[in-house]
Amino acid sequence: MAIAVGQEAPDFTLNNENGEQVTLSELRGAPVVLVFYTFDFSGICTGELCEIRDDYSDWMDLGAQVYGISRDSHFSHAAYKEQHGLPYSLLADTKGEAAKAYDTWNEGLWAAERLTVVVDKDGAIAHFVKNPILEARDHSAIADAIRGAG
């Protein structure tokens, strides 16, 4: 099922890099940015996530909570986050269930395609951008989407 602006964001519970559970529906009250990516330690993903790291203070200043999501384990996420100094949590979608709910799972590669979703404070999808695995996303509209989602 394809996602659409205005629909309720599919809920999920995933472990972060510390093994702690994060449930999307429990984050209501503030905008949330979900960044689905393919793999830790891969070229395009690292470029995108480091770009988000560098722009993160702008998104935080707007009140957003940011989460990277891939099928990698929380152990891999912990090492990746530390190596690149990422200031936001990475969530382990090891079976691809969240990616499937957001219609970004690539069964052939057993990985998520590139999808960034801004969820508004009430839990609805406010904005999204989706790209194929080999094409980096343009996140320039995310700050404006966060402003509208608060």
C-alpha atoms as a PDB file:
ATOM      1  CA  MET A   1       0.000   0.000   0.000  1.00  0.00           C
ATOM      2  CA  ALA A   2       1.456   3.334  -1.039  1.00  0.00           C
ATOM      3  CA  ILE A   3       1.729   6.077   1.552  1.00  0.00           C
ATOM      4  CA  ALA A   4       0.086   9.460   1.021  1.00  0.00           C
ATOM      5  CA  VAL A   5       0.226  12.896   2.572  1.00  0.00           C
ATOM      6  CA  GLY A   6      -2.551  13.237   5.146  1.00  0.00           C
ATOM      7  CA  GLN A   7      -2.837   9.547   5.993  1.00  0.00           C
ATOM      8  CA  GLU A   8      -1.956   8.291   9.453  1.00  0.00           C
ATOM      9  CA  ALA A   9       1.680   7.213   9.551  1.00  0.00           C
ATOM     10  CA  PRO A  10       1.973   3.431   9.946  1.00  0.00           C
ATOM     11  CA  ASP A  11       3.003   2.666  13.513  1.00  0.00           C
ATOM     12  CA  PHE A  12       5.998   0.530  14.405  1.00  0.00           C
ATOM     13  CA  THR A  13       8.212  -0.427  17.319  1.00  0.00           C
ATOM     14  CA  LEU A  14      11.927  -0.874  16.541  1.00  0.00           C
ATOM     15  CA  ASN A  15      15.104  -1.045  18.608  1.00  0.00           C
ATOM     16  CA  ASN A  16      17.542   1.855  18.482  1.00  0.00           C
ATOM     17  CA  GLU A  17      21.326   1.556  18.484  1.00  0.00           C
ATOM     18  CA  ASN A  18      21.255   0.974  22.262  1.00  0.00           C
ATOM     19  CA  GLY A  19      18.721  -1.842  22.017  1.00  0.00           C
ATOM     20  CA  GLU A  20      15.934   0.366  23.418  1.00  0.00           C
ATOM     21  CA  GLN A  21      12.477   0.207  21.869  1.00  0.00           C
ATOM     22  CA  VAL A  22      11.114   3.216  20.001  1.00  0.00           C
ATOM     23  CA  THR A  23       7.406   3.280  19.098  1.00  0.00           C
ATOM     24  CA  LEU A  24       6.342   5.891  16.563  1.00  0.00           C
ATOM     25  CA  SER A  25       2.885   6.497  18.064  1.00  0.00           C
ATOM     26  CA  GLU A  26       4.507   7.351  21.415  1.00  0.00           C
ATOM     27  CA  LEU A  27       6.349  10.269  19.778  1.00  0.00           C
ATOM     28  CA  ARG A  28       3.205  12.291  19.038  1.00  0.00           C
ATOM     29  CA  GLY A  29       3.241  15.921  20.066  1.00  0.00           C
ATOM     30  CA  ALA A  30       6.264  16.847  17.924  1.00  0.00           C
ATOM     31  CA  PRO A  31       7.193  16.334  14.278  1.00  0.00           C
ATOM     32  CA  VAL A  32       9.193  13.200  13.476  1.00  0.00           C
ATOM     33  CA  VAL A  33      11.480  12.670  10.486  1.00  0.00           C
ATOM     34  CA  LEU A  34      11.928   9.050   9.395  1.00  0.00           C
ATOM     35  CA  VAL A  35      14.869   8.436   7.076  1.00  0.00           C
ATOM     36  CA  PHE A  36      14.731   4.965   5.538  1.00  0.00           C
ATOM     37  CA  TYR A  37      18.069   4.010   4.009  1.00  0.00           C
ATOM     38  CA  THR A  38      19.619   0.906   2.524  1.00  0.00           C
ATOM     39  CA  PHE A  39      22.673  -0.095   4.581  1.00  0.00           C
ATOM     40  CA  ASP A  40      25.071   1.182   7.235  1.00  0.00           C
ATOM     41  CA  PHE A  41      28.581   1.807   5.886  1.00  0.00           C
ATOM     42  CA  SER A  42      27.494   2.172   2.242  1.00  0.00           C
ATOM     43  CA  GLY A  43      28.542   5.148   0.142  1.00  0.00           C
ATOM     44  CA  ILE A  44      25.339   6.969  -0.765  1.00  0.00           C
ATOM     45  CA  CYS A  45      23.743   6.227   2.624  1.00  0.00           C
ATOM     46  CA  THR A  46      26.759   7.584   4.483  1.00  0.00           C
ATOM     47  CA  GLY A  47      26.698  10.739   2.363  1.00  0.00           C
ATOM     48  CA  GLU A  48      23.010  11.281   3.049  1.00  0.00           C
ATOM     49  CA  LEU A  49      23.178  10.564   6.776  1.00  0.00           C
ATOM     50  CA  CYS A  50      26.225  12.810   7.236  1.00  0.00           C
ATOM     51  CA  GLU A  51      24.380  15.560   5.350  1.00  0.00           C
ATOM     52  CA  ILE A  52      21.514  15.152   7.802  1.00  0.00           C
ATOM     53  CA  ARG A  53      24.035  15.256  10.674  1.00  0.00           C
ATOM     54  CA  ASP A  54      25.320  18.563   9.361  1.00  0.00           C
ATOM     55  CA  ASP A  55      21.792  19.990   8.977  1.00  0.00           C
ATOM     56  CA  TYR A  56      20.391  18.332  12.100  1.00  0.00           C
ATOM     57  CA  SER A  57      20.565  21.424  14.312  1.00  0.00           C
ATOM     58  CA  ASP A  58      18.190  23.211  11.936  1.00  0.00           C
ATOM     59  CA  TRP A  59      15.707  20.346  12.111  1.00  0.00           C
ATOM     60  CA  MET A  60      16.060  20.136  15.920  1.00  0.00           C
ATOM     61  CA  ASP A  61      15.588  23.878  16.275  1.00  0.00           C
ATOM     62  CA  LEU A  62      12.228  23.301  14.612  1.00  0.00           C
ATOM     63  CA  GLY A  63      11.349  20.650  17.206  1.00  0.00           C
ATOM     64  CA  ALA A  64      11.739  17.531  15.059  1.00  0.00           C
ATOM     65  CA  GLN A  65      12.893  14.141  16.255  1.00  0.00           C
ATOM     66  CA  VAL A  66      14.978  12.361  13.604  1.00  0.00           C
ATOM     67  CA  TYR A  67      15.411   8.601  13.129  1.00  0.00           C
ATOM     68  CA  GLY A  68      17.403   6.727  10.507  1.00  0.00           C
ATOM     69  CA  ILE A  69      15.954   3.294   9.700  1.00  0.00           C
ATOM     70  CA  SER A  70      17.572   0.345   7.922  1.00  0.00           C
ATOM     71  CA  ARG A  71      17.590  -3.439   8.178  1.00  0.00           C
ATOM     72  CA  ASP A  72      20.977  -3.445   9.900  1.00  0.00           C
ATOM     73  CA  SER A  73      21.172  -4.646  13.502  1.00  0.00           C
ATOM     74  CA  HIS A  74      21.322  -2.308  16.477  1.00  0.00           C
ATOM     75  CA  PHE A  75      24.948  -3.434  16.941  1.00  0.00           C
ATOM     76  CA  SER A  76      25.842  -2.265  13.436  1.00  0.00           C
ATOM     77  CA  HIS A  77      23.918   0.960  14.027  1.00  0.00           C
ATOM     78  CA  ALA A  78      25.858   1.652  17.229  1.00  0.00           C
ATOM     79  CA  ALA A  79      29.217   1.308  15.445  1.00  0.00           C
ATOM     80  CA  TYR A  80      28.038   3.316  12.420  1.00  0.00           C
ATOM     81  CA  LYS A  81      26.584   6.095  14.561  1.00  0.00           C
ATOM     82  CA  GLU A  82      29.787   6.370  16.592  1.00  0.00           C
ATOM     83  CA  GLN A  83      32.077   6.293  13.545  1.00  0.00           C
ATOM     84  CA  HIS A  84      30.221   9.152  11.852  1.00  0.00           C
ATOM     85  CA  GLY A  85      29.204  11.165  14.918  1.00  0.00           C
ATOM     86  CA  LEU A  86      25.510  10.978  14.094  1.00  0.00           C
ATOM     87  CA  PRO A  87      23.470  12.927  16.677  1.00  0.00           C
ATOM     88  CA  TYR A  88      20.192  11.103  16.002  1.00  0.00           C
ATOM     89  CA  SER A  89      19.038   7.541  16.631  1.00  0.00           C
ATOM     90  CA  LEU A  90      19.225   4.704  14.129  1.00  0.00           C
ATOM     91  CA  LEU A  91      16.472   2.099  14.256  1.00  0.00           C
ATOM     92  CA  ALA A  92      16.931  -1.575  13.376  1.00  0.00           C
ATOM     93  CA  ASP A  93      14.228  -2.803  10.999  1.00  0.00           C
ATOM     94  CA  THR A  94      15.843  -6.234  10.726  1.00  0.00           C
ATOM     95  CA  LYS A  95      12.853  -7.930   9.066  1.00  0.00           C
ATOM     96  CA  GLY A  96      11.835  -4.944   6.936  1.00  0.00           C
ATOM     97  CA  GLU A  97       8.410  -4.686   8.560  1.00  0.00           C
ATOM     98  CA  ALA A  98       8.471  -0.896   8.940  1.00  0.00           C
ATOM     99  CA  ALA A  99       9.862  -0.460   5.413  1.00  0.00           C
ATOM    100  CA  LYS A 100       7.080  -2.689   4.064  1.00  0.00           C
ATOM    101  CA  ALA A 101       4.448  -0.642   5.930  1.00  0.00           C
ATOM    102  CA  TYR A 102       5.851   2.492   4.267  1.00  0.00           C
ATOM    103  CA  ASP A 103       5.994   0.818   0.840  1.00  0.00           C
ATOM    104  CA  THR A 104       9.743   1.229   0.513  1.00  0.00           C
ATOM    105  CA  TRP A 105      10.922  -2.385   0.886  1.00  0.00           C
ATOM    106  CA  ASN A 106      12.880  -3.829  -2.037  1.00  0.00           C
ATOM    107  CA  GLU A 107      12.333  -7.585  -1.772  1.00  0.00           C
ATOM    108  CA  GLY A 108      15.008  -8.396  -4.353  1.00  0.00           C
ATOM    109  CA  LEU A 109      17.724  -6.607  -2.388  1.00  0.00           C
ATOM    110  CA  TRP A 110      16.163  -7.311   0.998  1.00  0.00           C
ATOM    111  CA  ALA A 111      16.624  -3.661   1.924  1.00  0.00           C
ATOM    112  CA  ALA A 112      14.739  -0.379   2.100  1.00  0.00           C
ATOM    113  CA  GLU A 113      14.756   2.043  -0.774  1.00  0.00           C
ATOM    114  CA  ARG A 114      15.419   5.690   0.055  1.00  0.00           C
ATOM    115  CA  LEU A 115      12.414   7.295   1.721  1.00  0.00           C
ATOM    116  CA  THR A 116      12.239  10.298   4.012  1.00  0.00           C
ATOM    117  CA  VAL A 117       8.911  10.920   5.760  1.00  0.00           C
ATOM    118  CA  VAL A 118       7.910  13.893   7.894  1.00  0.00           C
ATOM    119  CA  VAL A 119       5.218  12.871  10.371  1.00  0.00           C
ATOM    120  CA  ASP A 120       3.284  15.738  11.928  1.00  0.00           C
ATOM    121  CA  LYS A 121       2.691  16.189  15.650  1.00  0.00           C
ATOM    122  CA  ASP A 122      -0.648  14.357  15.350  1.00  0.00           C
ATOM    123  CA  GLY A 123       0.811  11.285  13.612  1.00  0.00           C
ATOM    124  CA  ALA A 124      -0.138  12.027  10.000  1.00  0.00           C
ATOM    125  CA  ILE A 125       2.226  12.022   7.030  1.00  0.00           C
ATOM    126  CA  ALA A 126       2.969  15.653   6.194  1.00  0.00           C
ATOM    127  CA  HIS A 127       5.611  15.208   3.484  1.00  0.00           C
ATOM    128  CA  PHE A 128       7.759  12.526   1.907  1.00  0.00           C
ATOM    129  CA  VAL A 129      10.447  12.075  -0.711  1.00  0.00           C
ATOM    130  CA  LYS A 130      11.268   8.654  -2.185  1.00  0.00           C
ATOM    131  CA  ASN A 131      14.196   7.741  -4.401  1.00  0.00           C
ATOM    132  CA  PRO A 132      15.554   4.517  -5.868  1.00  0.00           C
ATOM    133  CA  ILE A 133      18.419   2.881  -3.985  1.00  0.00           C
ATOM    134  CA  LEU A 134      21.128   4.288  -6.256  1.00  0.00           C
ATOM    135  CA  GLU A 135      19.840   7.889  -6.204  1.00  0.00           C
ATOM    136  CA  ALA A 136      20.537  10.210  -3.254  1.00  0.00           C
ATOM    137  CA  ARG A 137      17.639  12.274  -1.920  1.00  0.00           C
ATOM    138  CA  ASP A 138      17.293  16.032  -1.929  1.00  0.00           C
ATOM    139  CA  HIS A 139      16.432  16.980   1.660  1.00  0.00           C
ATOM    140  CA  SER A 140      16.178  20.724   0.995  1.00  0.00           C
ATOM    141  CA  ALA A 141      12.394  20.752   1.541  1.00  0.00           C
ATOM    142  CA  ILE A 142      12.457  18.919   4.886  1.00  0.00           C
ATOM    143  CA  ALA A 143      12.837  22.016   7.080  1.00  0.00           C
ATOM    144  CA  ASP A 144       9.783  23.625   5.470  1.00  0.00           C
ATOM    145  CA  ALA A 145       7.843  20.387   5.912  1.00  0.00           C
ATOM    146  CA  ILE A 146       8.805  20.280   9.599  1.00  0.00           C
ATOM    147  CA  ARG A 147       7.607  23.865  10.025  1.00  0.00           C
ATOM    148  CA  GLY A 148       4.241  22.868   8.617  1.00  0.00           C
ATOM    149  CA  ALA A 149       4.084  19.694  10.718  1.00  0.00           C
ATOM    150  CA  GLY A 150       4.607  21.306  14.139  1.00  0.00           C
END
